Amino acid sequence: DLRMSRGLGDVYKRQAFDLMVTGMQRVSTQMRGELPEILHEYSTHFRNMGFSGSEAMSLLVDMAQQGKFALDKTGDAVKEFSIRGSDMSKNSVAAYQAIGLNARKMSSDIASGGDKARLAMQKTAQGLMKIKDPATRANQAIALFGTPIEDLSVDQIPAFLAALAGTKNKLGDVSGAADRMGATLRDNLQGDIGKLQGAMDGLRF
């Protein structure tokens, strides 16, 4: 029951609940069932890469605007970057060099986790966006983000990178979102929000 969830009293739980409601309201009906699954499967990777709950939800809401395919690739891209971006392999080092970033520093920042890791990902995405040739951009992005990028069409990659580059809380102040939503919407969202609750555990707000 939604009222029982809010009745838990903890500030963290209230913030998380309001965030879940806001996120669900910002995506299409078709996308609502996708958010809990992605957050549940990839919450550890979002946390390790320094995402707050608000930032993770904002990124997923952004990706949802590009459709189910892009949204499905988001968690995979974050996971793959946490591996490839810090592995100091020949391909990843070359890709960093191509966008003017120091591979050793990027690798160290990603391995450190937290804000350093998230900023390293943003800098990487921003650097890739500056590559003018679409094929070159795609190849360098694949070297660092792996098959999630490879699975996208070349013309989808810039928007995908732009969402990763601009990772921040874009949802604004979500306080009271649950209280403000109407009864009909509350009934429609209840099941999806219930699924999200476990997926949000461990993400800071």
C-alpha atoms as a PDB file:
ATOM      1  CA  ASP A   1       0.000   0.000   0.000  1.00  0.00           C
ATOM      2  CA  LEU A   2       1.368   3.440  -0.895  1.00  0.00           C
ATOM      3  CA  ARG A   3       0.299   4.988   2.399  1.00  0.00           C
ATOM      4  CA  MET A   4       2.042   2.258   4.334  1.00  0.00           C
ATOM      5  CA  SER A   5       5.233   2.903   2.348  1.00  0.00           C
ATOM      6  CA  ARG A   6       5.126   6.606   3.217  1.00  0.00           C
ATOM      7  CA  GLY A   7       4.236   5.763   6.788  1.00  0.00           C
ATOM      8  CA  LEU A   8       7.668   4.254   7.343  1.00  0.00           C
ATOM      9  CA  GLY A   9       8.650   7.747   8.435  1.00  0.00           C
ATOM     10  CA  ASP A  10      12.295   7.688   7.406  1.00  0.00           C
ATOM     11  CA  VAL A  11      13.385  10.776   5.420  1.00  0.00           C
ATOM     12  CA  TYR A  12      15.437   8.643   3.062  1.00  0.00           C
ATOM     13  CA  LYS A  13      12.438   6.449   2.285  1.00  0.00           C
ATOM     14  CA  ARG A  14      10.231   9.483   1.668  1.00  0.00           C
ATOM     15  CA  GLN A  15      12.792  10.949  -0.724  1.00  0.00           C
ATOM     16  CA  ALA A  16      13.161   7.638  -2.532  1.00  0.00           C
ATOM     17  CA  PHE A  17       9.404   7.239  -2.789  1.00  0.00           C
ATOM     18  CA  ASP A  18       8.874  10.742  -4.172  1.00  0.00           C
ATOM     19  CA  LEU A  19      11.685  10.137  -6.654  1.00  0.00           C
ATOM     20  CA  MET A  20      10.105   6.880  -7.839  1.00  0.00           C
ATOM     21  CA  VAL A  21       6.764   8.592  -8.351  1.00  0.00           C
ATOM     22  CA  THR A  22       8.361  11.455 -10.284  1.00  0.00           C
ATOM     23  CA  GLY A  23      10.339   9.084 -12.499  1.00  0.00           C
ATOM     24  CA  MET A  24       7.276   7.028 -13.312  1.00  0.00           C
ATOM     25  CA  GLN A  25       5.319  10.168 -14.183  1.00  0.00           C
ATOM     26  CA  ARG A  26       8.027  11.342 -16.614  1.00  0.00           C
ATOM     27  CA  VAL A  27       8.024   8.265 -18.842  1.00  0.00           C
ATOM     28  CA  SER A  28       5.411   6.760 -21.119  1.00  0.00           C
ATOM     29  CA  THR A  29       3.119   4.006 -19.919  1.00  0.00           C
ATOM     30  CA  GLN A  30       5.045   1.541 -22.084  1.00  0.00           C
ATOM     31  CA  MET A  31       8.354   2.457 -20.422  1.00  0.00           C
ATOM     32  CA  ARG A  32       7.154   2.243 -16.804  1.00  0.00           C
ATOM     33  CA  GLY A  33       7.573  -1.493 -16.600  1.00  0.00           C
ATOM     34  CA  GLU A  34      11.155  -1.228 -17.869  1.00  0.00           C
ATOM     35  CA  LEU A  35      12.555   1.069 -15.155  1.00  0.00           C
ATOM     36  CA  PRO A  36      12.315  -1.366 -12.206  1.00  0.00           C
ATOM     37  CA  GLU A  37      13.950  -4.173 -14.165  1.00  0.00           C
ATOM     38  CA  ILE A  38      16.897  -2.038 -15.270  1.00  0.00           C
ATOM     39  CA  LEU A  39      17.451  -0.496 -11.845  1.00  0.00           C
ATOM     40  CA  HIS A  40      17.162  -3.875 -10.152  1.00  0.00           C
ATOM     41  CA  GLU A  41      19.688  -5.495 -12.483  1.00  0.00           C
ATOM     42  CA  TYR A  42      22.178  -2.632 -12.649  1.00  0.00           C
ATOM     43  CA  SER A  43      21.804  -0.746  -9.338  1.00  0.00           C
ATOM     44  CA  THR A  44      25.203  -2.055  -8.149  1.00  0.00           C
ATOM     45  CA  HIS A  45      26.891  -0.676 -11.267  1.00  0.00           C
ATOM     46  CA  PHE A  46      25.119   2.679 -10.971  1.00  0.00           C
ATOM     47  CA  ARG A  47      26.218   2.859  -7.328  1.00  0.00           C
ATOM     48  CA  ASN A  48      29.822   1.879  -8.128  1.00  0.00           C
ATOM     49  CA  MET A  49      29.974   4.523 -10.840  1.00  0.00           C
ATOM     50  CA  GLY A  50      28.941   7.193  -8.339  1.00  0.00           C
ATOM     51  CA  PHE A  51      25.326   7.720  -9.389  1.00  0.00           C
ATOM     52  CA  SER A  52      22.868   8.972  -6.824  1.00  0.00           C
ATOM     53  CA  GLY A  53      19.323   7.675  -7.044  1.00  0.00           C
ATOM     54  CA  SER A  54      18.247  10.989  -8.575  1.00  0.00           C
ATOM     55  CA  GLU A  55      21.002  10.870 -11.182  1.00  0.00           C
ATOM     56  CA  ALA A  56      20.287   7.263 -12.113  1.00  0.00           C
ATOM     57  CA  MET A  57      16.578   7.968 -12.446  1.00  0.00           C
ATOM     58  CA  SER A  58      17.251  11.122 -14.485  1.00  0.00           C
ATOM     59  CA  LEU A  59      19.477   9.187 -16.882  1.00  0.00           C
ATOM     60  CA  LEU A  60      16.884   6.460 -17.336  1.00  0.00           C
ATOM     61  CA  VAL A  61      14.110   9.000 -17.902  1.00  0.00           C
ATOM     62  CA  ASP A  62      16.312  10.647 -20.564  1.00  0.00           C
ATOM     63  CA  MET A  63      16.983   7.331 -22.262  1.00  0.00           C
ATOM     64  CA  ALA A  64      13.320   6.369 -22.121  1.00  0.00           C
ATOM     65  CA  GLN A  65      12.581   9.301 -24.439  1.00  0.00           C
ATOM     66  CA  GLN A  66      14.724   7.548 -27.063  1.00  0.00           C
ATOM     67  CA  GLY A  67      12.681   4.362 -26.817  1.00  0.00           C
ATOM     68  CA  LYS A  68      12.882   0.924 -25.256  1.00  0.00           C
ATOM     69  CA  PHE A  69      15.980  -0.148 -27.170  1.00  0.00           C
ATOM     70  CA  ALA A  70      18.105   2.762 -25.930  1.00  0.00           C
ATOM     71  CA  LEU A  71      16.733   2.373 -22.409  1.00  0.00           C
ATOM     72  CA  ASP A  72      17.594  -1.320 -22.378  1.00  0.00           C
ATOM     73  CA  LYS A  73      21.188  -0.514 -23.346  1.00  0.00           C
ATOM     74  CA  THR A  74      21.756   2.047 -20.592  1.00  0.00           C
ATOM     75  CA  GLY A  75      22.565  -0.270 -17.708  1.00  0.00           C
ATOM     76  CA  ASP A  76      24.751  -2.404 -19.953  1.00  0.00           C
ATOM     77  CA  ALA A  77      26.677   0.673 -21.137  1.00  0.00           C
ATOM     78  CA  VAL A  78      27.377   1.805 -17.564  1.00  0.00           C
ATOM     79  CA  LYS A  79      28.470  -1.721 -16.625  1.00  0.00           C
ATOM     80  CA  GLU A  80      30.691  -2.122 -19.687  1.00  0.00           C
ATOM     81  CA  PHE A  81      32.328   1.269 -19.176  1.00  0.00           C
ATOM     82  CA  SER A  82      33.173   0.389 -15.579  1.00  0.00           C
ATOM     83  CA  ILE A  83      35.162  -2.548 -17.017  1.00  0.00           C
ATOM     84  CA  ARG A  84      36.529  -1.315 -20.348  1.00  0.00           C
ATOM     85  CA  GLY A  85      37.145   2.231 -19.155  1.00  0.00           C
ATOM     86  CA  SER A  86      39.563   1.019 -16.512  1.00  0.00           C
ATOM     87  CA  ASP A  87      41.177  -2.042 -18.107  1.00  0.00           C
ATOM     88  CA  MET A  88      44.083  -0.164 -19.771  1.00  0.00           C
ATOM     89  CA  SER A  89      43.722  -2.414 -22.813  1.00  0.00           C
ATOM     90  CA  LYS A  90      45.210  -1.366 -26.144  1.00  0.00           C
ATOM     91  CA  ASN A  91      41.794  -0.424 -27.532  1.00  0.00           C
ATOM     92  CA  SER A  92      40.663   1.602 -24.522  1.00  0.00           C
ATOM     93  CA  VAL A  93      43.992   3.462 -24.268  1.00  0.00           C
ATOM     94  CA  ALA A  94      43.807   4.325 -27.973  1.00  0.00           C
ATOM     95  CA  ALA A  95      40.217   5.521 -27.601  1.00  0.00           C
ATOM     96  CA  TYR A  96      41.149   7.797 -24.680  1.00  0.00           C
ATOM     97  CA  GLN A  97      44.064   9.188 -26.661  1.00  0.00           C
ATOM     98  CA  ALA A  98      41.749   9.882 -29.607  1.00  0.00           C
ATOM     99  CA  ILE A  99      39.608  12.158 -27.438  1.00  0.00           C
ATOM    100  CA  GLY A 100      42.517  13.801 -25.602  1.00  0.00           C
ATOM    101  CA  LEU A 101      42.130  12.093 -22.231  1.00  0.00           C
ATOM    102  CA  ASN A 102      44.798  10.450 -20.107  1.00  0.00           C
ATOM    103  CA  ALA A 103      43.975   6.741 -20.031  1.00  0.00           C
ATOM    104  CA  ARG A 104      45.831   6.093 -16.759  1.00  0.00           C
ATOM    105  CA  LYS A 105      44.017   8.902 -14.939  1.00  0.00           C
ATOM    106  CA  MET A 106      40.653   7.867 -16.342  1.00  0.00           C
ATOM    107  CA  SER A 107      41.288   4.266 -15.345  1.00  0.00           C
ATOM    108  CA  SER A 108      42.287   5.307 -11.825  1.00  0.00           C
ATOM    109  CA  ASP A 109      39.226   7.547 -11.419  1.00  0.00           C
ATOM    110  CA  ILE A 110      36.868   4.802 -12.572  1.00  0.00           C
ATOM    111  CA  ALA A 111      38.466   2.274 -10.251  1.00  0.00           C
ATOM    112  CA  SER A 112      38.073   4.765  -7.367  1.00  0.00           C
ATOM    113  CA  GLY A 113      34.314   4.818  -7.869  1.00  0.00           C
ATOM    114  CA  GLY A 114      32.028   7.564  -6.613  1.00  0.00           C
ATOM    115  CA  ASP A 115      32.044  11.064  -8.080  1.00  0.00           C
ATOM    116  CA  LYS A 116      35.418  10.542  -9.777  1.00  0.00           C
ATOM    117  CA  ALA A 117      34.062   7.587 -11.726  1.00  0.00           C
ATOM    118  CA  ARG A 118      30.896   9.389 -12.767  1.00  0.00           C
ATOM    119  CA  LEU A 119      32.851  12.462 -13.887  1.00  0.00           C
ATOM    120  CA  ALA A 120      35.259  10.243 -15.840  1.00  0.00           C
ATOM    121  CA  MET A 121      32.307   8.742 -17.694  1.00  0.00           C
ATOM    122  CA  GLN A 122      30.883  12.178 -18.429  1.00  0.00           C
ATOM    123  CA  LYS A 123      34.230  13.482 -19.724  1.00  0.00           C
ATOM    124  CA  THR A 124      34.583  10.406 -21.901  1.00  0.00           C
ATOM    125  CA  ALA A 125      31.108  10.789 -23.399  1.00  0.00           C
ATOM    126  CA  GLN A 126      31.703  14.510 -23.968  1.00  0.00           C
ATOM    127  CA  GLY A 127      35.015  13.754 -25.691  1.00  0.00           C
ATOM    128  CA  LEU A 128      33.426  11.178 -27.960  1.00  0.00           C
ATOM    129  CA  MET A 129      30.710  13.639 -28.953  1.00  0.00           C
ATOM    130  CA  LYS A 130      33.386  16.026 -30.274  1.00  0.00           C
ATOM    131  CA  ILE A 131      34.517  13.485 -32.884  1.00  0.00           C
ATOM    132  CA  LYS A 132      32.916  14.728 -36.099  1.00  0.00           C
ATOM    133  CA  ASP A 133      33.134  11.608 -38.255  1.00  0.00           C
ATOM    134  CA  PRO A 134      30.212   9.323 -37.263  1.00  0.00           C
ATOM    135  CA  ALA A 135      32.048   6.077 -38.049  1.00  0.00           C
ATOM    136  CA  THR A 136      35.146   7.099 -36.080  1.00  0.00           C
ATOM    137  CA  ARG A 137      32.981   8.235 -33.178  1.00  0.00           C
ATOM    138  CA  ALA A 138      31.125   4.929 -33.176  1.00  0.00           C
ATOM    139  CA  ASN A 139      34.320   2.867 -33.214  1.00  0.00           C
ATOM    140  CA  GLN A 140      35.912   4.779 -30.343  1.00  0.00           C
ATOM    141  CA  ALA A 141      32.677   4.629 -28.345  1.00  0.00           C
ATOM    142  CA  ILE A 142      32.483   0.871 -28.847  1.00  0.00           C
ATOM    143  CA  ALA A 143      36.050   0.529 -27.525  1.00  0.00           C
ATOM    144  CA  LEU A 144      34.977   2.112 -24.231  1.00  0.00           C
ATOM    145  CA  PHE A 145      31.285   1.232 -23.882  1.00  0.00           C
ATOM    146  CA  GLY A 146      31.245  -2.116 -25.659  1.00  0.00           C
ATOM    147  CA  THR A 147      28.395  -3.917 -27.365  1.00  0.00           C
ATOM    148  CA  PRO A 148      25.595  -1.664 -26.001  1.00  0.00           C
ATOM    149  CA  ILE A 149      26.939   1.058 -28.309  1.00  0.00           C
ATOM    150  CA  GLU A 150      27.655  -1.416 -31.086  1.00  0.00           C
ATOM    151  CA  ASP A 151      24.009  -2.480 -31.011  1.00  0.00           C
ATOM    152  CA  LEU A 152      22.827   1.085 -31.652  1.00  0.00           C
ATOM    153  CA  SER A 153      22.597   2.521 -35.140  1.00  0.00           C
ATOM    154  CA  VAL A 154      25.236   5.162 -35.914  1.00  0.00           C
ATOM    155  CA  ASP A 155      22.645   7.939 -35.870  1.00  0.00           C
ATOM    156  CA  GLN A 156      21.432   6.927 -32.382  1.00  0.00           C
ATOM    157  CA  ILE A 157      24.869   7.162 -30.799  1.00  0.00           C
ATOM    158  CA  PRO A 158      25.111  10.979 -30.396  1.00  0.00           C
ATOM    159  CA  ALA A 159      21.864  11.212 -28.396  1.00  0.00           C
ATOM    160  CA  PHE A 160      22.898   8.198 -26.317  1.00  0.00           C
ATOM    161  CA  LEU A 161      26.281   9.778 -25.542  1.00  0.00           C
ATOM    162  CA  ALA A 162      24.638  13.143 -24.814  1.00  0.00           C
ATOM    163  CA  ALA A 163      22.498  11.535 -22.108  1.00  0.00           C
ATOM    164  CA  LEU A 164      25.573   9.889 -20.556  1.00  0.00           C
ATOM    165  CA  ALA A 165      27.553  13.142 -20.806  1.00  0.00           C
ATOM    166  CA  GLY A 166      24.864  15.174 -19.077  1.00  0.00           C
ATOM    167  CA  THR A 167      24.247  12.842 -16.164  1.00  0.00           C
ATOM    168  CA  LYS A 168      22.860  14.913 -13.303  1.00  0.00           C
ATOM    169  CA  ASN A 169      19.665  15.310 -11.365  1.00  0.00           C
ATOM    170  CA  LYS A 170      17.293  16.789 -13.946  1.00  0.00           C
ATOM    171  CA  LEU A 171      14.127  15.962 -12.041  1.00  0.00           C
ATOM    172  CA  GLY A 172      14.446  18.923  -9.692  1.00  0.00           C
ATOM    173  CA  ASP A 173      12.821  18.988  -6.274  1.00  0.00           C
ATOM    174  CA  VAL A 174      10.631  15.899  -6.120  1.00  0.00           C
ATOM    175  CA  SER A 175       9.442  16.468  -2.538  1.00  0.00           C
ATOM    176  CA  GLY A 176       5.747  15.776  -2.115  1.00  0.00           C
ATOM    177  CA  ALA A 177       5.338  14.140  -5.524  1.00  0.00           C
ATOM    178  CA  ALA A 178       3.486  11.187  -4.019  1.00  0.00           C
ATOM    179  CA  ASP A 179       1.104  13.445  -2.112  1.00  0.00           C
ATOM    180  CA  ARG A 180       0.293  15.489  -5.205  1.00  0.00           C
ATOM    181  CA  MET A 181      -0.550  12.713  -7.609  1.00  0.00           C
ATOM    182  CA  GLY A 182      -4.209  11.965  -8.139  1.00  0.00           C
ATOM    183  CA  ALA A 183      -5.945   8.827  -6.966  1.00  0.00           C
ATOM    184  CA  THR A 184      -6.294   7.415 -10.482  1.00  0.00           C
ATOM    185  CA  LEU A 185      -2.609   7.842 -11.265  1.00  0.00           C
ATOM    186  CA  ARG A 186      -1.714   6.443  -7.845  1.00  0.00           C
ATOM    187  CA  ASP A 187      -3.700   3.302  -8.601  1.00  0.00           C
ATOM    188  CA  ASN A 188      -2.078   2.964 -12.026  1.00  0.00           C
ATOM    189  CA  LEU A 189       1.453   3.403 -10.723  1.00  0.00           C
ATOM    190  CA  GLN A 190       1.218   1.387  -7.522  1.00  0.00           C
ATOM    191  CA  GLY A 191       2.498  -1.918  -8.898  1.00  0.00           C
ATOM    192  CA  ASP A 192       5.398  -0.358 -10.811  1.00  0.00           C
ATOM    193  CA  ILE A 193       6.481   1.737  -7.828  1.00  0.00           C
ATOM    194  CA  GLY A 194       6.410  -1.348  -5.647  1.00  0.00           C
ATOM    195  CA  LYS A 195       8.841  -3.038  -8.038  1.00  0.00           C
ATOM    196  CA  LEU A 196      11.121   0.002  -7.938  1.00  0.00           C
ATOM    197  CA  GLN A 197      11.454   0.087  -4.164  1.00  0.00           C
ATOM    198  CA  GLY A 198      13.851  -2.857  -3.931  1.00  0.00           C
ATOM    199  CA  ALA A 199      15.794  -1.693  -6.969  1.00  0.00           C
ATOM    200  CA  MET A 200      16.534   1.712  -5.388  1.00  0.00           C
ATOM    201  CA  ASP A 201      18.052   0.209  -2.233  1.00  0.00           C
ATOM    202  CA  GLY A 202      21.662   1.227  -1.729  1.00  0.00           C
ATOM    203  CA  LEU A 203      21.588   4.283  -4.017  1.00  0.00           C
ATOM    204  CA  ARG A 204      22.228   7.536  -2.196  1.00  0.00           C
ATOM    205  CA  PHE A 205      19.889  10.485  -2.634  1.00  0.00           C
END
